Amino acid sequence: MTETTISPEAVAGDQLRAFVERIERLEEEKKVIGDDIKDVYAEAKGNGFDTTILRKVVSLRKKQPHEREEEEAILDLYLQALGMHGPA
């Protein structure tokens, strides 16, 4: 088996470091944004909103109408198959 050795000179150290640092900054920003979103959900809960349903609404708003309709149709089909509600 041959072993490939990459010399340090072959790796663009400055460019690699720049990529790593950009990723680290973006990860930190993502964490801050995630914390902000948690705060908004906590505020909504404090105002009497059901956060589980609120999360579902946010999820549904990301989808196209045809995607939501298809998902709802499949959900209805599954619920009917399980006897969880009457025919549509």
PDB file of N, CA and C in Angstrom:
ATOM      1  N   MET A   1       0.842  -1.156   0.000  1.00  0.00           N
ATOM      2  CA  MET A   1       0.000   0.000   0.000  1.00  0.00           C
ATOM      3  C   MET A   1       0.897   1.232   0.000  1.00  0.00           C
ATOM      4  N   THR A   2       0.572   2.194  -0.867  1.00  0.00           N
ATOM      5  CA  THR A   2       1.375   3.408  -0.907  1.00  0.00           C
ATOM      6  C   THR A   2       0.777   4.457   0.010  1.00  0.00           C
ATOM      7  N   GLU A   3       1.648   5.192   0.623  1.00  0.00           N
ATOM      8  CA  GLU A   3       1.207   6.227   1.540  1.00  0.00           C
ATOM      9  C   GLU A   3       1.419   7.581   0.883  1.00  0.00           C
ATOM     10  N   THR A   4       0.368   8.386   0.868  1.00  0.00           N
ATOM     11  CA  THR A   4       0.467   9.710   0.277  1.00  0.00           C
ATOM     12  C   THR A   4       0.786  10.699   1.375  1.00  0.00           C
ATOM     13  N   THR A   5       1.809  11.472   1.140  1.00  0.00           N
ATOM     14  CA  THR A   5       2.194  12.483   2.105  1.00  0.00           C
ATOM     15  C   THR A   5       2.010  13.840   1.461  1.00  0.00           C
ATOM     16  N   ILE A   6       1.277  14.702   2.150  1.00  0.00           N
ATOM     17  CA  ILE A   6       1.070  16.056   1.652  1.00  0.00           C
ATOM     18  C   ILE A   6       1.943  16.972   2.487  1.00  0.00           C
ATOM     19  N   SER A   7       2.755  17.720   1.798  1.00  0.00           N
ATOM     20  CA  SER A   7       3.640  18.631   2.524  1.00  0.00           C
ATOM     21  C   SER A   7       2.850  19.845   2.996  1.00  0.00           C
ATOM     22  N   PRO A   8       3.278  20.418   4.091  1.00  0.00           N
ATOM     23  CA  PRO A   8       2.602  21.621   4.594  1.00  0.00           C
ATOM     24  C   PRO A   8       2.557  22.738   3.556  1.00  0.00           C
ATOM     25  N   GLU A   9       3.555  22.794   2.703  1.00  0.00           N
ATOM     26  CA  GLU A   9       3.601  23.821   1.662  1.00  0.00           C
ATOM     27  C   GLU A   9       2.475  23.628   0.645  1.00  0.00           C
ATOM     28  N   ALA A  10       2.012  22.384   0.484  1.00  0.00           N
ATOM     29  CA  ALA A  10       0.963  22.104  -0.495  1.00  0.00           C
ATOM     30  C   ALA A  10      -0.402  22.576  -0.019  1.00  0.00           C
ATOM     31  N   VAL A  11      -0.529  22.786   1.266  1.00  0.00           N
ATOM     32  CA  VAL A  11      -1.795  23.256   1.819  1.00  0.00           C
ATOM     33  C   VAL A  11      -1.689  24.766   2.005  1.00  0.00           C
ATOM     34  N   ALA A  12      -2.655  25.462   1.444  1.00  0.00           N
ATOM     35  CA  ALA A  12      -2.657  26.920   1.572  1.00  0.00           C
ATOM     36  C   ALA A  12      -3.130  27.265   2.975  1.00  0.00           C
ATOM     37  N   GLY A  13      -2.195  27.355   3.895  1.00  0.00           N
ATOM     38  CA  GLY A  13      -2.502  27.544   5.308  1.00  0.00           C
ATOM     39  C   GLY A  13      -3.341  28.771   5.591  1.00  0.00           C
ATOM     40  N   ASP A  14      -2.998  29.887   4.981  1.00  0.00           N
ATOM     41  CA  ASP A  14      -3.752  31.112   5.237  1.00  0.00           C
ATOM     42  C   ASP A  14      -5.190  30.987   4.739  1.00  0.00           C
ATOM     43  N   GLN A  15      -5.343  30.401   3.576  1.00  0.00           N
ATOM     44  CA  GLN A  15      -6.690  30.236   3.012  1.00  0.00           C
ATOM     45  C   GLN A  15      -7.501  29.259   3.867  1.00  0.00           C
ATOM     46  N   LEU A  16      -6.887  28.174   4.289  1.00  0.00           N
ATOM     47  CA  LEU A  16      -7.555  27.196   5.137  1.00  0.00           C
ATOM     48  C   LEU A  16      -7.972  27.833   6.459  1.00  0.00           C
ATOM     49  N   ARG A  17      -7.068  28.584   7.062  1.00  0.00           N
ATOM     50  CA  ARG A  17      -7.368  29.268   8.323  1.00  0.00           C
ATOM     51  C   ARG A  17      -8.537  30.241   8.145  1.00  0.00           C
ATOM     52  N   ALA A  18      -8.560  30.955   7.031  1.00  0.00           N
ATOM     53  CA  ALA A  18      -9.649  31.898   6.761  1.00  0.00           C
ATOM     54  C   ALA A  18     -10.991  31.173   6.665  1.00  0.00           C
ATOM     55  N   PHE A  19     -11.019  30.025   5.987  1.00  0.00           N
ATOM     56  CA  PHE A  19     -12.257  29.249   5.899  1.00  0.00           C
ATOM     57  C   PHE A  19     -12.716  28.783   7.273  1.00  0.00           C
ATOM     58  N   VAL A  20     -11.789  28.257   8.048  1.00  0.00           N
ATOM     59  CA  VAL A  20     -12.120  27.760   9.389  1.00  0.00           C
ATOM     60  C   VAL A  20     -12.653  28.894  10.256  1.00  0.00           C
ATOM     61  N   GLU A  21     -12.016  30.038  10.212  1.00  0.00           N
ATOM     62  CA  GLU A  21     -12.453  31.172  11.024  1.00  0.00           C
ATOM     63  C   GLU A  21     -13.824  31.691  10.587  1.00  0.00           C
ATOM     64  N   ARG A  22     -14.082  31.718   9.272  1.00  0.00           N
ATOM     65  CA  ARG A  22     -15.413  32.119   8.788  1.00  0.00           C
ATOM     66  C   ARG A  22     -16.485  31.157   9.276  1.00  0.00           C
ATOM     67  N   ILE A  23     -16.187  29.867   9.194  1.00  0.00           N
ATOM     68  CA  ILE A  23     -17.147  28.855   9.662  1.00  0.00           C
ATOM     69  C   ILE A  23     -17.398  29.036  11.153  1.00  0.00           C
ATOM     70  N   GLU A  24     -16.349  29.256  11.915  1.00  0.00           N
ATOM     71  CA  GLU A  24     -16.508  29.449  13.362  1.00  0.00           C
ATOM     72  C   GLU A  24     -17.367  30.680  13.670  1.00  0.00           C
ATOM     73  N   ARG A  25     -17.156  31.775  12.947  1.00  0.00           N
ATOM     74  CA  ARG A  25     -17.975  32.982  13.161  1.00  0.00           C
ATOM     75  C   ARG A  25     -19.430  32.705  12.827  1.00  0.00           C
ATOM     76  N   LEU A  26     -19.674  32.027  11.712  1.00  0.00           N
ATOM     77  CA  LEU A  26     -21.048  31.714  11.311  1.00  0.00           C
ATOM     78  C   LEU A  26     -21.720  30.776  12.310  1.00  0.00           C
ATOM     79  N   GLU A  27     -20.972  29.805  12.833  1.00  0.00           N
ATOM     80  CA  GLU A  27     -21.517  28.908  13.854  1.00  0.00           C
ATOM     81  C   GLU A  27     -21.925  29.688  15.097  1.00  0.00           C
ATOM     82  N   GLU A  28     -21.112  30.673  15.493  1.00  0.00           N
ATOM     83  CA  GLU A  28     -21.437  31.496  16.653  1.00  0.00           C
ATOM     84  C   GLU A  28     -22.685  32.333  16.372  1.00  0.00           C
ATOM     85  N   GLU A  29     -22.776  32.905  15.165  1.00  0.00           N
ATOM     86  CA  GLU A  29     -23.967  33.672  14.790  1.00  0.00           C
ATOM     87  C   GLU A  29     -25.202  32.786  14.805  1.00  0.00           C
ATOM     88  N   LYS A  30     -25.042  31.547  14.320  1.00  0.00           N
ATOM     89  CA  LYS A  30     -26.157  30.604  14.307  1.00  0.00           C
ATOM     90  C   LYS A  30     -26.629  30.317  15.735  1.00  0.00           C
ATOM     91  N   LYS A  31     -25.694  30.190  16.653  1.00  0.00           N
ATOM     92  CA  LYS A  31     -26.042  29.943  18.052  1.00  0.00           C
ATOM     93  C   LYS A  31     -26.804  31.129  18.624  1.00  0.00           C
ATOM     94  N   VAL A  32     -26.334  32.334  18.341  1.00  0.00           N
ATOM     95  CA  VAL A  32     -26.996  33.541  18.833  1.00  0.00           C
ATOM     96  C   VAL A  32     -28.410  33.633  18.272  1.00  0.00           C
ATOM     97  N   ILE A  33     -28.567  33.367  16.987  1.00  0.00           N
ATOM     98  CA  ILE A  33     -29.891  33.403  16.367  1.00  0.00           C
ATOM     99  C   ILE A  33     -30.784  32.334  16.977  1.00  0.00           C
ATOM    100  N   GLY A  34     -30.246  31.145  17.200  1.00  0.00           N
ATOM    101  CA  GLY A  34     -31.019  30.072  17.840  1.00  0.00           C
ATOM    102  C   GLY A  34     -31.495  30.479  19.222  1.00  0.00           C
ATOM    103  N   ASP A  35     -30.635  31.154  19.966  1.00  0.00           N
ATOM    104  CA  ASP A  35     -31.015  31.647  21.294  1.00  0.00           C
ATOM    105  C   ASP A  35     -32.111  32.700  21.180  1.00  0.00           C
ATOM    106  N   ASP A  36     -32.004  33.567  20.171  1.00  0.00           N
ATOM    107  CA  ASP A  36     -33.031  34.591  19.959  1.00  0.00           C
ATOM    108  C   ASP A  36     -34.381  33.955  19.638  1.00  0.00           C
ATOM    109  N   ILE A  37     -34.370  32.913  18.816  1.00  0.00           N
ATOM    110  CA  ILE A  37     -35.605  32.219  18.462  1.00  0.00           C
ATOM    111  C   ILE A  37     -36.221  31.579  19.702  1.00  0.00           C
ATOM    112  N   LYS A  38     -35.396  30.959  20.537  1.00  0.00           N
ATOM    113  CA  LYS A  38     -35.897  30.378  21.796  1.00  0.00           C
ATOM    114  C   LYS A  38     -36.556  31.450  22.654  1.00  0.00           C
ATOM    115  N   ASP A  39     -35.940  32.640  22.698  1.00  0.00           N
ATOM    116  CA  ASP A  39     -36.499  33.744  23.482  1.00  0.00           C
ATOM    117  C   ASP A  39     -37.872  34.164  22.953  1.00  0.00           C
ATOM    118  N   VAL A  40     -38.022  34.196  21.627  1.00  0.00           N
ATOM    119  CA  VAL A  40     -39.311  34.577  21.043  1.00  0.00           C
ATOM    120  C   VAL A  40     -40.374  33.536  21.377  1.00  0.00           C
ATOM    121  N   TYR A  41     -40.018  32.252  21.293  1.00  0.00           N
ATOM    122  CA  TYR A  41     -40.973  31.201  21.664  1.00  0.00           C
ATOM    123  C   TYR A  41     -41.347  31.308  23.142  1.00  0.00           C
ATOM    124  N   ALA A  42     -40.368  31.603  23.998  1.00  0.00           N
ATOM    125  CA  ALA A  42     -40.656  31.763  25.429  1.00  0.00           C
ATOM    126  C   ALA A  42     -41.579  32.949  25.666  1.00  0.00           C
ATOM    127  N   GLU A  43     -41.368  34.020  24.929  1.00  0.00           N
ATOM    128  CA  GLU A  43     -42.234  35.187  25.042  1.00  0.00           C
ATOM    129  C   GLU A  43     -43.648  34.855  24.588  1.00  0.00           C
ATOM    130  N   ALA A  44     -43.759  34.138  23.477  1.00  0.00           N
ATOM    131  CA  ALA A  44     -45.072  33.734  22.975  1.00  0.00           C
ATOM    132  C   ALA A  44     -45.779  32.851  24.001  1.00  0.00           C
ATOM    133  N   LYS A  45     -45.029  31.916  24.595  1.00  0.00           N
ATOM    134  CA  LYS A  45     -45.609  31.041  25.618  1.00  0.00           C
ATOM    135  C   LYS A  45     -46.081  31.867  26.811  1.00  0.00           C
ATOM    136  N   GLY A  46     -45.304  32.848  27.202  1.00  0.00           N
ATOM    137  CA  GLY A  46     -45.673  33.718  28.306  1.00  0.00           C
ATOM    138  C   GLY A  46     -46.933  34.526  28.035  1.00  0.00           C
ATOM    139  N   ASN A  47     -47.243  34.695  26.746  1.00  0.00           N
ATOM    140  CA  ASN A  47     -48.447  35.409  26.344  1.00  0.00           C
ATOM    141  C   ASN A  47     -49.604  34.460  26.041  1.00  0.00           C
ATOM    142  N   GLY A  48     -49.434  33.193  26.420  1.00  0.00           N
ATOM    143  CA  GLY A  48     -50.525  32.235  26.320  1.00  0.00           C
ATOM    144  C   GLY A  48     -50.606  31.438  25.028  1.00  0.00           C
ATOM    145  N   PHE A  49     -49.612  31.554  24.163  1.00  0.00           N
ATOM    146  CA  PHE A  49     -49.641  30.799  22.908  1.00  0.00           C
ATOM    147  C   PHE A  49     -49.037  29.414  23.108  1.00  0.00           C
ATOM    148  N   ASP A  50     -49.582  28.441  22.398  1.00  0.00           N
ATOM    149  CA  ASP A  50     -49.082  27.066  22.424  1.00  0.00           C
ATOM    150  C   ASP A  50     -47.878  26.999  21.484  1.00  0.00           C
ATOM    151  N   THR A  51     -46.692  26.809  22.034  1.00  0.00           N
ATOM    152  CA  THR A  51     -45.484  26.864  21.210  1.00  0.00           C
ATOM    153  C   THR A  51     -45.347  25.672  20.268  1.00  0.00           C
ATOM    154  N   THR A  52     -45.935  24.540  20.636  1.00  0.00           N
ATOM    155  CA  THR A  52     -45.897  23.388  19.728  1.00  0.00           C
ATOM    156  C   THR A  52     -46.658  23.719  18.456  1.00  0.00           C
ATOM    157  N   ILE A  53     -47.832  24.324  18.614  1.00  0.00           N
ATOM    158  CA  ILE A  53     -48.635  24.696  17.453  1.00  0.00           C
ATOM    159  C   ILE A  53     -47.961  25.846  16.705  1.00  0.00           C
ATOM    160  N   LEU A  54     -47.383  26.770  17.428  1.00  0.00           N
ATOM    161  CA  LEU A  54     -46.679  27.888  16.802  1.00  0.00           C
ATOM    162  C   LEU A  54     -45.535  27.377  15.925  1.00  0.00           C
ATOM    163  N   ARG A  55     -44.790  26.384  16.422  1.00  0.00           N
ATOM    164  CA  ARG A  55     -43.714  25.792  15.615  1.00  0.00           C
ATOM    165  C   ARG A  55     -44.267  25.128  14.359  1.00  0.00           C
ATOM    166  N   LYS A  56     -45.426  24.484  14.494  1.00  0.00           N
ATOM    167  CA  LYS A  56     -46.057  23.838  13.335  1.00  0.00           C
ATOM    168  C   LYS A  56     -46.473  24.889  12.305  1.00  0.00           C
ATOM    169  N   VAL A  57     -47.023  26.013  12.779  1.00  0.00           N
ATOM    170  CA  VAL A  57     -47.424  27.088  11.872  1.00  0.00           C
ATOM    171  C   VAL A  57     -46.208  27.622  11.115  1.00  0.00           C
ATOM    172  N   VAL A  58     -45.115  27.851  11.820  1.00  0.00           N
ATOM    173  CA  VAL A  58     -43.892  28.338  11.181  1.00  0.00           C
ATOM    174  C   VAL A  58     -43.431  27.333  10.125  1.00  0.00           C
ATOM    175  N   SER A  59     -43.477  26.056  10.460  1.00  0.00           N
ATOM    176  CA  SER A  59     -43.078  25.001   9.525  1.00  0.00           C
ATOM    177  C   SER A  59     -43.973  24.987   8.289  1.00  0.00           C
ATOM    178  N   LEU A  60     -45.283  25.106   8.514  1.00  0.00           N
ATOM    179  CA  LEU A  60     -46.229  25.081   7.392  1.00  0.00           C
ATOM    180  C   LEU A  60     -46.050  26.290   6.478  1.00  0.00           C
ATOM    181  N   ARG A  61     -45.744  27.432   7.049  1.00  0.00           N
ATOM    182  CA  ARG A  61     -45.565  28.645   6.233  1.00  0.00           C
ATOM    183  C   ARG A  61     -44.348  28.551   5.317  1.00  0.00           C
ATOM    184  N   LYS A  62     -43.411  27.677   5.633  1.00  0.00           N
ATOM    185  CA  LYS A  62     -42.230  27.492   4.790  1.00  0.00           C
ATOM    186  C   LYS A  62     -42.548  26.688   3.534  1.00  0.00           C
ATOM    187  N   LYS A  63     -43.683  25.980   3.544  1.00  0.00           N
ATOM    188  CA  LYS A  63     -44.031  25.077   2.454  1.00  0.00           C
ATOM    189  C   LYS A  63     -44.938  25.755   1.440  1.00  0.00           C
ATOM    190  N   GLN A  64     -44.865  25.269   0.223  1.00  0.00           N
ATOM    191  CA  GLN A  64     -45.764  25.725  -0.834  1.00  0.00           C
ATOM    192  C   GLN A  64     -47.151  25.154  -0.578  1.00  0.00           C
ATOM    193  N   PRO A  65     -48.210  25.847  -1.048  1.00  0.00           N
ATOM    194  CA  PRO A  65     -49.572  25.343  -0.812  1.00  0.00           C
ATOM    195  C   PRO A  65     -49.782  23.899  -1.263  1.00  0.00           C
ATOM    196  N   HIS A  66     -49.240  23.522  -2.415  1.00  0.00           N
ATOM    197  CA  HIS A  66     -49.427  22.143  -2.894  1.00  0.00           C
ATOM    198  C   HIS A  66     -48.724  21.130  -1.986  1.00  0.00           C
ATOM    199  N   GLU A  67     -47.594  21.536  -1.388  1.00  0.00           N
ATOM    200  CA  GLU A  67     -46.893  20.645  -0.461  1.00  0.00           C
ATOM    201  C   GLU A  67     -47.726  20.443   0.805  1.00  0.00           C
ATOM    202  N   ARG A  68     -48.321  21.529   1.305  1.00  0.00           N
ATOM    203  CA  ARG A  68     -49.167  21.429   2.506  1.00  0.00           C
ATOM    204  C   ARG A  68     -50.390  20.558   2.235  1.00  0.00           C
ATOM    205  N   GLU A  69     -51.018  20.765   1.073  1.00  0.00           N
ATOM    206  CA  GLU A  69     -52.207  19.982   0.725  1.00  0.00           C
ATOM    207  C   GLU A  69     -51.880  18.489   0.636  1.00  0.00           C
ATOM    208  N   GLU A  70     -50.748  18.166   0.017  1.00  0.00           N
ATOM    209  CA  GLU A  70     -50.337  16.763  -0.104  1.00  0.00           C
ATOM    210  C   GLU A  70     -50.072  16.161   1.273  1.00  0.00           C
ATOM    211  N   GLU A  71     -49.386  16.907   2.129  1.00  0.00           N
ATOM    212  CA  GLU A  71     -49.089  16.424   3.475  1.00  0.00           C
ATOM    213  C   GLU A  71     -50.383  16.198   4.268  1.00  0.00           C
ATOM    214  N   GLU A  72     -51.318  17.141   4.161  1.00  0.00           N
ATOM    215  CA  GLU A  72     -52.593  17.009   4.872  1.00  0.00           C
ATOM    216  C   GLU A  72     -53.391  15.808   4.363  1.00  0.00           C
ATOM    217  N   ALA A  73     -53.362  15.577   3.053  1.00  0.00           N
ATOM    218  CA  ALA A  73     -54.082  14.442   2.475  1.00  0.00           C
ATOM    219  C   ALA A  73     -53.508  13.121   2.971  1.00  0.00           C
ATOM    220  N   ILE A  74     -52.194  13.026   3.017  1.00  0.00           N
ATOM    221  CA  ILE A  74     -51.550  11.803   3.495  1.00  0.00           C
ATOM    222  C   ILE A  74     -51.836  11.605   4.983  1.00  0.00           C
ATOM    223  N   LEU A  75     -51.776  12.695   5.759  1.00  0.00           N
ATOM    224  CA  LEU A  75     -52.087  12.612   7.186  1.00  0.00           C
ATOM    225  C   LEU A  75     -53.516  12.112   7.383  1.00  0.00           C
ATOM    226  N   ASP A  76     -54.474  12.675   6.644  1.00  0.00           N
ATOM    227  CA  ASP A  76     -55.867  12.223   6.743  1.00  0.00           C
ATOM    228  C   ASP A  76     -55.990  10.741   6.400  1.00  0.00           C
ATOM    229  N   LEU A  77     -55.297  10.317   5.352  1.00  0.00           N
ATOM    230  CA  LEU A  77     -55.337   8.914   4.940  1.00  0.00           C
ATOM    231  C   LEU A  77     -54.822   8.012   6.059  1.00  0.00           C
ATOM    232  N   TYR A  78     -53.708   8.382   6.650  1.00  0.00           N
ATOM    233  CA  TYR A  78     -53.125   7.582   7.727  1.00  0.00           C
ATOM    234  C   TYR A  78     -54.045   7.545   8.948  1.00  0.00           C
ATOM    235  N   LEU A  79     -54.621   8.705   9.299  1.00  0.00           N
ATOM    236  CA  LEU A  79     -55.523   8.740  10.446  1.00  0.00           C
ATOM    237  C   LEU A  79     -56.757   7.870  10.207  1.00  0.00           C
ATOM    238  N   GLN A  80     -57.282   7.911   8.994  1.00  0.00           N
ATOM    239  CA  GLN A  80     -58.425   7.061   8.670  1.00  0.00           C
ATOM    240  C   GLN A  80     -58.044   5.590   8.757  1.00  0.00           C
ATOM    241  N   ALA A  81     -56.880   5.239   8.246  1.00  0.00           N
ATOM    242  CA  ALA A  81     -56.416   3.847   8.281  1.00  0.00           C
ATOM    243  C   ALA A  81     -56.266   3.359   9.714  1.00  0.00           C
ATOM    244  N   LEU A  82     -55.957   4.257  10.623  1.00  0.00           N
ATOM    245  CA  LEU A  82     -55.807   3.905  12.032  1.00  0.00           C
ATOM    246  C   LEU A  82     -57.123   4.041  12.813  1.00  0.00           C
ATOM    247  N   GLY A  83     -58.176   4.461  12.121  1.00  0.00           N
ATOM    248  CA  GLY A  83     -59.472   4.624  12.767  1.00  0.00           C
ATOM    249  C   GLY A  83     -59.510   5.795  13.730  1.00  0.00           C
ATOM    250  N   MET A  84     -58.683   6.797  13.477  1.00  0.00           N
ATOM    251  CA  MET A  84     -58.594   7.928  14.405  1.00  0.00           C
ATOM    252  C   MET A  84     -59.571   9.040  14.075  1.00  0.00           C
ATOM    253  N   HIS A  85     -60.181   9.021  12.899  1.00  0.00           N
ATOM    254  CA  HIS A  85     -61.274   9.924  12.592  1.00  0.00           C
ATOM    255  C   HIS A  85     -62.047   9.388  11.406  1.00  0.00           C
ATOM    256  N   GLY A  86     -63.264   9.852  11.264  1.00  0.00           N
ATOM    257  CA  GLY A  86     -64.155   9.347  10.224  1.00  0.00           C
ATOM    258  C   GLY A  86     -63.722   9.733   8.840  1.00  0.00           C
ATOM    259  N   PRO A  87     -64.364   9.154   7.820  1.00  0.00           N
ATOM    260  CA  PRO A  87     -64.011   9.482   6.432  1.00  0.00           C
ATOM    261  C   PRO A  87     -64.261  10.951   6.141  1.00  0.00           C
ATOM    262  N   ALA A  88     -63.493  11.475   5.212  1.00  0.00           N
ATOM    263  CA  ALA A  88     -63.590  12.896   4.855  1.00  0.00           C
ATOM    264  C   ALA A  88     -64.849  13.200   4.088  1.00  0.00           C
TER     265      ALA A  88
END
